[in-house]
Amino acid sequence: CPGRIESYVKYAELAYDLFHLGFDIFIIDHRGQGRSGRMLSDPHRGHVDHFNDYVEDLAAFWQQEIELGPWRKRYILAHSMGGAIATLFLQRHRVRCDAIALTAPMFGIVIRLPSFMVRHILDWAEGHQRIREDYAIGTGQWRALPFGMNALTHSRQRYQRNLRFYADEPQLRVGGPTWHWVREGILAGEQVLAGASDDTTPTLLIQAEEERVVDNRTHDRFCEIRAAAGYPCEGGKPLVIKGAYHEILFEKDAMRSVALNAIVEFFNKPNLSSGNRFA
């Protein structure tokens, strides 16, 4: 379950690795990005009417492609925005999912302003359609940043490979989010935490030590809530990947391999149980 602006195209290497480790792979392109249709006339604007639309899209995808399949086990691997989508999906739908692994899930967004000010600005923008559907401040159309300016990965090779995907298929490009998307994203994170004790699916949460995109404090809080409810995350707390930026599975091999090995070992644990949501 990819993050914001991402396409399944970007995940070819990860899909290859997991397939050769014995997993069948299904990847969704969320509405408004990848090879799915755009929501606004400017195809670079990252927008959604309601964050729950992503959740219901995943529910439909699961029902059509996963639910009736022949697999003995069903897992979710989700990154960033996809982590919020997948977590809300499990909180709201009774499905058989044997485990979920989250990498840098978007349970909160790093914004360099006081939260009360952010809320005030977003509420004001929400009342003006032209503004609510415009790029949030400091963002704009997609552009290729030099490697040295990126805060996503330390791997030059993987960063440049991802840029080549956008060069080869310009229609994959998505730029900054709209004001409305930011508002919906923040509310989604709050909903994740509010429902953290509602789902019993075994969960591995992997956190980037040098995170600059999502709020790591919300990961800690999520794990605390689940532990108090009797459904602790694997290890009782986030697994921190030392030195990693946000895109953990696109990091340098030394960091990426730690995360990937942890995910595969977690999914292969013989005592995993999907808990009482499906029982």
C-alpha atoms as a PDB file:
ATOM      1  CA  CYS A   1       0.000   0.000   0.000  1.00  0.00           C
ATOM      2  CA  PRO A   2       2.093   2.941  -1.296  1.00  0.00           C
ATOM      3  CA  GLY A   3       2.532   6.412   0.114  1.00  0.00           C
ATOM      4  CA  ARG A   4       1.450   9.794  -1.227  1.00  0.00           C
ATOM      5  CA  ILE A   5       2.320  10.470  -4.907  1.00  0.00           C
ATOM      6  CA  GLU A   6       3.728   6.946  -5.325  1.00  0.00           C
ATOM      7  CA  SER A   7       2.805   4.370  -7.969  1.00  0.00           C
ATOM      8  CA  TYR A   8       3.164   0.617  -7.974  1.00  0.00           C
ATOM      9  CA  VAL A   9       5.775   1.233 -10.688  1.00  0.00           C
ATOM     10  CA  LYS A  10       8.157   2.508  -8.023  1.00  0.00           C
ATOM     11  CA  TYR A  11       7.963  -0.751  -6.071  1.00  0.00           C
ATOM     12  CA  ALA A  12       9.396  -3.102  -8.710  1.00  0.00           C
ATOM     13  CA  GLU A  13      12.539  -3.875  -6.703  1.00  0.00           C
ATOM     14  CA  LEU A  14      10.623  -4.559  -3.497  1.00  0.00           C
ATOM     15  CA  ALA A  15       8.065  -6.705  -5.335  1.00  0.00           C
ATOM     16  CA  TYR A  16      10.924  -8.678  -6.921  1.00  0.00           C
ATOM     17  CA  ASP A  17      12.557  -9.266  -3.539  1.00  0.00           C
ATOM     18  CA  LEU A  18       9.358 -10.357  -1.825  1.00  0.00           C
ATOM     19  CA  PHE A  19       8.260 -12.568  -4.716  1.00  0.00           C
ATOM     20  CA  HIS A  20      11.542 -14.460  -4.585  1.00  0.00           C
ATOM     21  CA  LEU A  21      11.048 -14.864  -0.835  1.00  0.00           C
ATOM     22  CA  GLY A  22       7.793 -16.700  -1.489  1.00  0.00           C
ATOM     23  CA  PHE A  23       5.134 -13.971  -1.443  1.00  0.00           C
ATOM     24  CA  ASP A  24       2.571 -13.124  -4.113  1.00  0.00           C
ATOM     25  CA  ILE A  25       2.370  -9.351  -4.510  1.00  0.00           C
ATOM     26  CA  PHE A  26      -0.578  -7.019  -5.102  1.00  0.00           C
ATOM     27  CA  ILE A  27      -0.072  -3.231  -5.162  1.00  0.00           C
ATOM     28  CA  ILE A  28      -2.773  -0.589  -5.403  1.00  0.00           C
ATOM     29  CA  ASP A  29      -2.425   2.771  -7.136  1.00  0.00           C
ATOM     30  CA  HIS A  30      -4.455   5.133  -4.945  1.00  0.00           C
ATOM     31  CA  ARG A  31      -6.952   7.460  -6.575  1.00  0.00           C
ATOM     32  CA  GLY A  32      -5.341  10.700  -7.742  1.00  0.00           C
ATOM     33  CA  GLN A  33      -1.852   9.271  -8.250  1.00  0.00           C
ATOM     34  CA  GLY A  34       0.166   6.657 -10.092  1.00  0.00           C
ATOM     35  CA  ARG A  35      -1.775   5.300 -13.054  1.00  0.00           C
ATOM     36  CA  SER A  36      -5.118   6.083 -11.422  1.00  0.00           C
ATOM     37  CA  GLY A  37      -7.106   9.102 -12.562  1.00  0.00           C
ATOM     38  CA  ARG A  38      -6.509  12.557 -11.116  1.00  0.00           C
ATOM     39  CA  MET A  39      -9.011  14.406  -8.963  1.00  0.00           C
ATOM     40  CA  LEU A  40      -8.494  17.944 -10.310  1.00  0.00           C
ATOM     41  CA  SER A  41      -7.804  19.562 -13.682  1.00  0.00           C
ATOM     42  CA  ASP A  42      -4.196  20.190 -12.628  1.00  0.00           C
ATOM     43  CA  PRO A  43      -2.858  16.601 -12.543  1.00  0.00           C
ATOM     44  CA  HIS A  44       0.038  17.606 -10.285  1.00  0.00           C
ATOM     45  CA  ARG A  45      -2.163  18.573  -7.336  1.00  0.00           C
ATOM     46  CA  GLY A  46      -2.382  15.857  -4.701  1.00  0.00           C
ATOM     47  CA  HIS A  47      -6.037  15.886  -3.720  1.00  0.00           C
ATOM     48  CA  VAL A  48      -8.805  13.715  -2.325  1.00  0.00           C
ATOM     49  CA  ASP A  49     -12.360  14.640  -1.382  1.00  0.00           C
ATOM     50  CA  HIS A  50     -12.399  12.458   1.739  1.00  0.00           C
ATOM     51  CA  PHE A  51      -9.515  10.440   3.163  1.00  0.00           C
ATOM     52  CA  ASN A  52     -11.967   7.611   3.708  1.00  0.00           C
ATOM     53  CA  ASP A  53     -12.229   7.337  -0.094  1.00  0.00           C
ATOM     54  CA  TYR A  54      -8.736   5.838  -0.030  1.00  0.00           C
ATOM     55  CA  VAL A  55      -9.840   3.412   2.680  1.00  0.00           C
ATOM     56  CA  GLU A  56     -12.911   2.283   0.752  1.00  0.00           C
ATOM     57  CA  ASP A  57     -10.840   1.907  -2.427  1.00  0.00           C
ATOM     58  CA  LEU A  58      -8.542  -0.440  -0.526  1.00  0.00           C
ATOM     59  CA  ALA A  59     -11.569  -2.318   0.810  1.00  0.00           C
ATOM     60  CA  ALA A  60     -12.856  -2.818  -2.739  1.00  0.00           C
ATOM     61  CA  PHE A  61      -9.380  -3.869  -3.902  1.00  0.00           C
ATOM     62  CA  TRP A  62      -9.145  -6.370  -1.044  1.00  0.00           C
ATOM     63  CA  GLN A  63     -12.576  -7.816  -1.776  1.00  0.00           C
ATOM     64  CA  GLN A  64     -11.930  -8.157  -5.515  1.00  0.00           C
ATOM     65  CA  GLU A  65      -8.312  -9.331  -5.505  1.00  0.00           C
ATOM     66  CA  ILE A  66      -7.390 -10.770  -2.100  1.00  0.00           C
ATOM     67  CA  GLU A  67     -10.330 -12.031  -0.082  1.00  0.00           C
ATOM     68  CA  LEU A  68     -11.306 -15.037  -2.204  1.00  0.00           C
ATOM     69  CA  GLY A  69      -7.789 -16.001  -3.257  1.00  0.00           C
ATOM     70  CA  PRO A  70      -6.169 -19.361  -2.447  1.00  0.00           C
ATOM     71  CA  TRP A  71      -3.533 -18.026  -0.035  1.00  0.00           C
ATOM     72  CA  ARG A  72      -3.056 -19.552   3.416  1.00  0.00           C
ATOM     73  CA  LYS A  73      -1.921 -16.207   4.814  1.00  0.00           C
ATOM     74  CA  ARG A  74      -2.697 -12.606   3.909  1.00  0.00           C
ATOM     75  CA  TYR A  75      -0.459  -9.718   4.900  1.00  0.00           C
ATOM     76  CA  ILE A  76      -0.336  -5.978   4.343  1.00  0.00           C
ATOM     77  CA  LEU A  77       2.855  -3.964   3.892  1.00  0.00           C
ATOM     78  CA  ALA A  78       2.134  -0.246   3.883  1.00  0.00           C
ATOM     79  CA  HIS A  79       4.231   2.913   3.715  1.00  0.00           C
ATOM     80  CA  SER A  80       3.542   6.471   4.895  1.00  0.00           C
ATOM     81  CA  MET A  81       0.089   7.571   3.676  1.00  0.00           C
ATOM     82  CA  GLY A  82      -0.555   3.947   2.792  1.00  0.00           C
ATOM     83  CA  GLY A  83       0.068   3.107   6.437  1.00  0.00           C
ATOM     84  CA  ALA A  84      -2.751   5.387   7.546  1.00  0.00           C
ATOM     85  CA  ILE A  85      -5.033   3.991   4.842  1.00  0.00           C
ATOM     86  CA  ALA A  86      -4.295   0.362   5.681  1.00  0.00           C
ATOM     87  CA  THR A  87      -4.598   0.893   9.434  1.00  0.00           C
ATOM     88  CA  LEU A  88      -7.977   2.606   9.075  1.00  0.00           C
ATOM     89  CA  PHE A  89      -9.049  -0.193   6.725  1.00  0.00           C
ATOM     90  CA  LEU A  90      -8.321  -2.810   9.382  1.00  0.00           C
ATOM     91  CA  GLN A  91     -10.011  -0.726  12.072  1.00  0.00           C
ATOM     92  CA  ARG A  92     -13.193  -0.342  10.018  1.00  0.00           C
ATOM     93  CA  HIS A  93     -13.552  -3.616   8.100  1.00  0.00           C
ATOM     94  CA  ARG A  94     -13.836  -7.217   9.272  1.00  0.00           C
ATOM     95  CA  VAL A  95     -11.329  -8.967   7.033  1.00  0.00           C
ATOM     96  CA  ARG A  96      -8.839 -11.753   7.500  1.00  0.00           C
ATOM     97  CA  CYS A  97      -5.441 -10.109   7.592  1.00  0.00           C
ATOM     98  CA  ASP A  98      -2.844 -12.196   9.395  1.00  0.00           C
ATOM     99  CA  ALA A  99      -0.403  -9.334  10.003  1.00  0.00           C
ATOM    100  CA  ILE A 100       0.479  -5.816   8.913  1.00  0.00           C
ATOM    101  CA  ALA A 101       3.899  -4.182   8.649  1.00  0.00           C
ATOM    102  CA  LEU A 102       4.057  -0.391   8.555  1.00  0.00           C
ATOM    103  CA  THR A 103       7.053   1.646   7.415  1.00  0.00           C
ATOM    104  CA  ALA A 104       7.038   5.286   8.506  1.00  0.00           C
ATOM    105  CA  PRO A 105       3.224   5.388   8.644  1.00  0.00           C
ATOM    106  CA  MET A 106       1.556   8.768   8.293  1.00  0.00           C
ATOM    107  CA  PHE A 107      -0.154   8.985  11.675  1.00  0.00           C
ATOM    108  CA  GLY A 108       0.931  12.622  11.946  1.00  0.00           C
ATOM    109  CA  ILE A 109       2.577  15.092   9.568  1.00  0.00           C
ATOM    110  CA  VAL A 110       5.630  17.221  10.308  1.00  0.00           C
ATOM    111  CA  ILE A 111       4.535  20.864   9.943  1.00  0.00           C
ATOM    112  CA  ARG A 112       6.790  23.618  11.286  1.00  0.00           C
ATOM    113  CA  LEU A 113       3.966  25.614  12.860  1.00  0.00           C
ATOM    114  CA  PRO A 114       2.048  25.348  16.142  1.00  0.00           C
ATOM    115  CA  SER A 115      -0.848  22.919  15.803  1.00  0.00           C
ATOM    116  CA  PHE A 116      -3.470  25.537  16.744  1.00  0.00           C
ATOM    117  CA  MET A 117      -2.218  27.798  13.961  1.00  0.00           C
ATOM    118  CA  VAL A 118      -2.250  24.963  11.432  1.00  0.00           C
ATOM    119  CA  ARG A 119      -5.821  24.098  12.394  1.00  0.00           C
ATOM    120  CA  HIS A 120      -6.913  27.725  12.075  1.00  0.00           C
ATOM    121  CA  ILE A 121      -5.334  28.122   8.624  1.00  0.00           C
ATOM    122  CA  LEU A 122      -6.774  24.856   7.321  1.00  0.00           C
ATOM    123  CA  ASP A 123     -10.254  25.636   8.637  1.00  0.00           C
ATOM    124  CA  TRP A 124     -10.095  29.042   6.941  1.00  0.00           C
ATOM    125  CA  ALA A 125      -8.913  27.533   3.644  1.00  0.00           C
ATOM    126  CA  GLU A 126     -11.682  24.947   3.810  1.00  0.00           C
ATOM    127  CA  GLY A 127     -14.269  27.718   3.462  1.00  0.00           C
ATOM    128  CA  HIS A 128     -12.827  28.983   0.165  1.00  0.00           C
ATOM    129  CA  GLN A 129     -13.002  26.424  -2.639  1.00  0.00           C
ATOM    130  CA  ARG A 130     -10.374  28.064  -4.823  1.00  0.00           C
ATOM    131  CA  ILE A 131      -7.928  28.014  -1.924  1.00  0.00           C
ATOM    132  CA  ARG A 132      -8.849  24.602  -0.476  1.00  0.00           C
ATOM    133  CA  GLU A 133      -8.054  23.001  -3.849  1.00  0.00           C
ATOM    134  CA  ASP A 134      -4.860  24.983  -4.397  1.00  0.00           C
ATOM    135  CA  TYR A 135      -1.363  23.858  -3.458  1.00  0.00           C
ATOM    136  CA  ALA A 136      -0.600  24.108   0.247  1.00  0.00           C
ATOM    137  CA  ILE A 137       1.948  26.794   1.085  1.00  0.00           C
ATOM    138  CA  GLY A 138       5.504  25.907   0.148  1.00  0.00           C
ATOM    139  CA  THR A 139       4.459  23.280  -2.400  1.00  0.00           C
ATOM    140  CA  GLY A 140       3.718  23.259  -6.117  1.00  0.00           C
ATOM    141  CA  GLN A 141       3.979  21.196  -9.257  1.00  0.00           C
ATOM    142  CA  TRP A 142       6.263  18.171  -9.334  1.00  0.00           C
ATOM    143  CA  ARG A 143       9.916  18.877  -9.986  1.00  0.00           C
ATOM    144  CA  ALA A 144      13.019  16.759  -9.701  1.00  0.00           C
ATOM    145  CA  LEU A 145      15.051  17.813  -6.683  1.00  0.00           C
ATOM    146  CA  PRO A 146      18.811  17.267  -6.721  1.00  0.00           C
ATOM    147  CA  PHE A 147      19.800  14.247  -4.662  1.00  0.00           C
ATOM    148  CA  GLY A 148      21.531  16.421  -2.079  1.00  0.00           C
ATOM    149  CA  MET A 149      18.282  18.263  -1.316  1.00  0.00           C
ATOM    150  CA  ASN A 150      16.126  15.199  -0.761  1.00  0.00           C
ATOM    151  CA  ALA A 151      15.002  14.047   2.695  1.00  0.00           C
ATOM    152  CA  LEU A 152      13.655  10.673   1.584  1.00  0.00           C
ATOM    153  CA  THR A 153      16.661   8.381   1.118  1.00  0.00           C
ATOM    154  CA  HIS A 154      20.449   8.253   1.419  1.00  0.00           C
ATOM    155  CA  SER A 155      20.623   5.918  -1.594  1.00  0.00           C
ATOM    156  CA  ARG A 156      21.628   7.904  -4.650  1.00  0.00           C
ATOM    157  CA  GLN A 157      21.069   4.884  -6.891  1.00  0.00           C
ATOM    158  CA  ARG A 158      17.483   4.281  -5.761  1.00  0.00           C
ATOM    159  CA  TYR A 159      16.677   7.995  -5.760  1.00  0.00           C
ATOM    160  CA  GLN A 160      17.858   8.398  -9.347  1.00  0.00           C
ATOM    161  CA  ARG A 161      16.029   5.250 -10.416  1.00  0.00           C
ATOM    162  CA  ASN A 162      12.789   6.676  -9.058  1.00  0.00           C
ATOM    163  CA  LEU A 163      13.371   9.917 -10.951  1.00  0.00           C
ATOM    164  CA  ARG A 164      13.818   7.898 -14.132  1.00  0.00           C
ATOM    165  CA  PHE A 165      10.350   6.407 -13.652  1.00  0.00           C
ATOM    166  CA  TYR A 166       8.931   9.937 -13.703  1.00  0.00           C
ATOM    167  CA  ALA A 167      11.068  10.889 -16.703  1.00  0.00           C
ATOM    168  CA  ASP A 168       9.899   7.831 -18.636  1.00  0.00           C
ATOM    169  CA  GLU A 169       6.237   8.302 -17.665  1.00  0.00           C
ATOM    170  CA  PRO A 170       5.482  11.975 -16.932  1.00  0.00           C
ATOM    171  CA  GLN A 171       1.842  11.074 -16.267  1.00  0.00           C
ATOM    172  CA  LEU A 172       2.964   9.445 -13.006  1.00  0.00           C
ATOM    173  CA  ARG A 173       4.054  12.785 -11.570  1.00  0.00           C
ATOM    174  CA  VAL A 174       2.176  14.318  -8.647  1.00  0.00           C
ATOM    175  CA  GLY A 175       3.318  17.491  -6.922  1.00  0.00           C
ATOM    176  CA  GLY A 176       2.367  19.057  -3.622  1.00  0.00           C
ATOM    177  CA  PRO A 177      -0.855  18.433  -1.713  1.00  0.00           C
ATOM    178  CA  THR A 178      -3.807  20.770  -1.652  1.00  0.00           C
ATOM    179  CA  TRP A 179      -4.837  22.545   1.524  1.00  0.00           C
ATOM    180  CA  HIS A 180      -7.826  20.194   1.718  1.00  0.00           C
ATOM    181  CA  TRP A 181      -5.612  17.106   1.387  1.00  0.00           C
ATOM    182  CA  VAL A 182      -3.455  18.313   4.286  1.00  0.00           C
ATOM    183  CA  ARG A 183      -6.561  18.786   6.421  1.00  0.00           C
ATOM    184  CA  GLU A 184      -7.850  15.332   5.534  1.00  0.00           C
ATOM    185  CA  GLY A 185      -4.422  13.811   6.208  1.00  0.00           C
ATOM    186  CA  ILE A 186      -4.201  15.343   9.674  1.00  0.00           C
ATOM    187  CA  LEU A 187      -7.725  14.200  10.533  1.00  0.00           C
ATOM    188  CA  ALA A 188      -6.886  10.692   9.302  1.00  0.00           C
ATOM    189  CA  GLY A 189      -3.941  10.503  11.683  1.00  0.00           C
ATOM    190  CA  GLU A 190      -6.164  11.539  14.564  1.00  0.00           C
ATOM    191  CA  GLN A 191      -8.677   8.855  13.573  1.00  0.00           C
ATOM    192  CA  VAL A 192      -5.932   6.214  13.493  1.00  0.00           C
ATOM    193  CA  LEU A 193      -4.946   7.009  17.073  1.00  0.00           C
ATOM    194  CA  ALA A 194      -8.563   7.187  18.215  1.00  0.00           C
ATOM    195  CA  GLY A 195      -9.147   3.675  16.864  1.00  0.00           C
ATOM    196  CA  ALA A 196      -5.772   2.174  17.737  1.00  0.00           C
ATOM    197  CA  SER A 197      -7.292  -0.181  20.307  1.00  0.00           C
ATOM    198  CA  ASP A 198     -10.071  -1.343  17.951  1.00  0.00           C
ATOM    199  CA  ASP A 199      -7.947  -3.684  15.815  1.00  0.00           C
ATOM    200  CA  THR A 200      -6.086  -6.768  17.007  1.00  0.00           C
ATOM    201  CA  THR A 201      -4.097  -7.529  13.845  1.00  0.00           C
ATOM    202  CA  PRO A 202      -0.446  -8.316  14.693  1.00  0.00           C
ATOM    203  CA  THR A 203       1.461  -5.167  13.793  1.00  0.00           C
ATOM    204  CA  LEU A 204       5.092  -4.341  13.120  1.00  0.00           C
ATOM    205  CA  LEU A 205       5.791  -0.605  13.015  1.00  0.00           C
ATOM    206  CA  ILE A 206       9.130   0.443  11.520  1.00  0.00           C
ATOM    207  CA  GLN A 207      10.340   3.978  12.141  1.00  0.00           C
ATOM    208  CA  ALA A 208      13.034   6.066  10.421  1.00  0.00           C
ATOM    209  CA  GLU A 209      15.479   7.608  12.880  1.00  0.00           C
ATOM    210  CA  GLU A 210      16.101  10.675  10.672  1.00  0.00           C
ATOM    211  CA  GLU A 211      12.434  11.197   9.815  1.00  0.00           C
ATOM    212  CA  ARG A 212      11.456  14.602   8.383  1.00  0.00           C
ATOM    213  CA  VAL A 213       8.069  13.887   6.802  1.00  0.00           C
ATOM    214  CA  VAL A 214       5.832  12.162   9.362  1.00  0.00           C
ATOM    215  CA  ASP A 215       5.700  12.670  13.120  1.00  0.00           C
ATOM    216  CA  ASN A 216       7.475   9.823  14.915  1.00  0.00           C
ATOM    217  CA  ARG A 217       5.786  10.760  18.187  1.00  0.00           C
ATOM    218  CA  THR A 218       2.499   9.481  16.790  1.00  0.00           C
ATOM    219  CA  HIS A 219       4.114   6.077  16.178  1.00  0.00           C
ATOM    220  CA  ASP A 220       5.134   5.904  19.809  1.00  0.00           C
ATOM    221  CA  ARG A 221       1.643   6.891  20.908  1.00  0.00           C
ATOM    222  CA  PHE A 222       0.029   4.312  18.607  1.00  0.00           C
ATOM    223  CA  CYS A 223       2.159   1.544  20.110  1.00  0.00           C
ATOM    224  CA  GLU A 224       1.400   2.749  23.646  1.00  0.00           C
ATOM    225  CA  ILE A 225      -2.359   2.655  23.005  1.00  0.00           C
ATOM    226  CA  ARG A 226      -2.208  -0.832  21.524  1.00  0.00           C
ATOM    227  CA  ALA A 227      -0.085  -2.098  24.407  1.00  0.00           C
ATOM    228  CA  ALA A 228      -2.555  -0.711  26.942  1.00  0.00           C
ATOM    229  CA  ALA A 229      -5.373  -2.469  25.076  1.00  0.00           C
ATOM    230  CA  GLY A 230      -3.511  -5.783  25.217  1.00  0.00           C
ATOM    231  CA  TYR A 231      -2.475  -5.873  21.547  1.00  0.00           C
ATOM    232  CA  PRO A 232       1.094  -4.560  21.578  1.00  0.00           C
ATOM    233  CA  CYS A 233       3.005  -3.850  18.405  1.00  0.00           C
ATOM    234  CA  GLU A 234       5.795  -6.306  17.664  1.00  0.00           C
ATOM    235  CA  GLY A 235       8.528  -5.686  20.217  1.00  0.00           C
ATOM    236  CA  GLY A 236       6.229  -3.385  22.187  1.00  0.00           C
ATOM    237  CA  LYS A 237       7.433  -0.271  20.381  1.00  0.00           C
ATOM    238  CA  PRO A 238       8.538   0.947  16.942  1.00  0.00           C
ATOM    239  CA  LEU A 239      11.552  -0.724  15.366  1.00  0.00           C
ATOM    240  CA  VAL A 240      13.868   2.220  14.688  1.00  0.00           C
ATOM    241  CA  ILE A 241      16.126   2.007  11.633  1.00  0.00           C
ATOM    242  CA  LYS A 242      19.237   3.911  12.626  1.00  0.00           C
ATOM    243  CA  GLY A 243      20.202   6.695  10.243  1.00  0.00           C
ATOM    244  CA  ALA A 244      17.286   6.141   7.872  1.00  0.00           C
ATOM    245  CA  TYR A 245      15.256   8.815   6.128  1.00  0.00           C
ATOM    246  CA  HIS A 246      11.520   8.482   5.459  1.00  0.00           C
ATOM    247  CA  GLU A 247      11.604   5.989   2.562  1.00  0.00           C
ATOM    248  CA  ILE A 248      13.061   3.114   4.557  1.00  0.00           C
ATOM    249  CA  LEU A 249      12.613   0.488   1.833  1.00  0.00           C
ATOM    250  CA  PHE A 250      14.429   2.735  -0.657  1.00  0.00           C
ATOM    251  CA  GLU A 251      17.342   3.401   1.653  1.00  0.00           C
ATOM    252  CA  LYS A 252      20.934   2.227   1.313  1.00  0.00           C
ATOM    253  CA  ASP A 253      21.242  -1.546   1.481  1.00  0.00           C
ATOM    254  CA  ALA A 254      22.582  -1.581   5.047  1.00  0.00           C
ATOM    255  CA  MET A 255      19.430   0.128   6.362  1.00  0.00           C
ATOM    256  CA  ARG A 256      16.955  -1.344   3.895  1.00  0.00           C
ATOM    257  CA  SER A 257      18.047  -4.910   4.643  1.00  0.00           C
ATOM    258  CA  VAL A 258      17.421  -4.463   8.377  1.00  0.00           C
ATOM    259  CA  ALA A 259      13.842  -3.388   7.684  1.00  0.00           C
ATOM    260  CA  LEU A 260      13.166  -5.962   4.972  1.00  0.00           C
ATOM    261  CA  ASN A 261      14.547  -8.814   7.061  1.00  0.00           C
ATOM    262  CA  ALA A 262      12.417  -7.716  10.019  1.00  0.00           C
ATOM    263  CA  ILE A 263       9.294  -7.638   7.838  1.00  0.00           C
ATOM    264  CA  VAL A 264       9.891 -11.081   6.355  1.00  0.00           C
ATOM    265  CA  GLU A 265      10.724 -12.617   9.744  1.00  0.00           C
ATOM    266  CA  PHE A 266       7.587 -11.038  11.207  1.00  0.00           C
ATOM    267  CA  PHE A 267       5.352 -12.367   8.432  1.00  0.00           C
ATOM    268  CA  ASN A 268       6.912 -15.824   8.727  1.00  0.00           C
ATOM    269  CA  LYS A 269       6.382 -16.145  12.480  1.00  0.00           C
ATOM    270  CA  PRO A 270       4.497 -19.423  13.036  1.00  0.00           C
ATOM    271  CA  ASN A 271       2.366 -18.094  15.888  1.00  0.00           C
ATOM    272  CA  LEU A 272       0.888 -15.083  14.100  1.00  0.00           C
ATOM    273  CA  SER A 273      -2.854 -14.855  14.560  1.00  0.00           C
ATOM    274  CA  SER A 274      -5.277 -12.351  13.094  1.00  0.00           C
ATOM    275  CA  GLY A 275      -6.891 -11.919  16.504  1.00  0.00           C
ATOM    276  CA  ASN A 276     -10.620 -11.697  17.168  1.00  0.00           C
ATOM    277  CA  ARG A 277     -11.650  -9.315  14.416  1.00  0.00           C
ATOM    278  CA  PHE A 278     -12.174 -12.203  12.009  1.00  0.00           C
ATOM    279  CA  ALA A 279     -12.757 -15.058  14.427  1.00  0.00           C
END
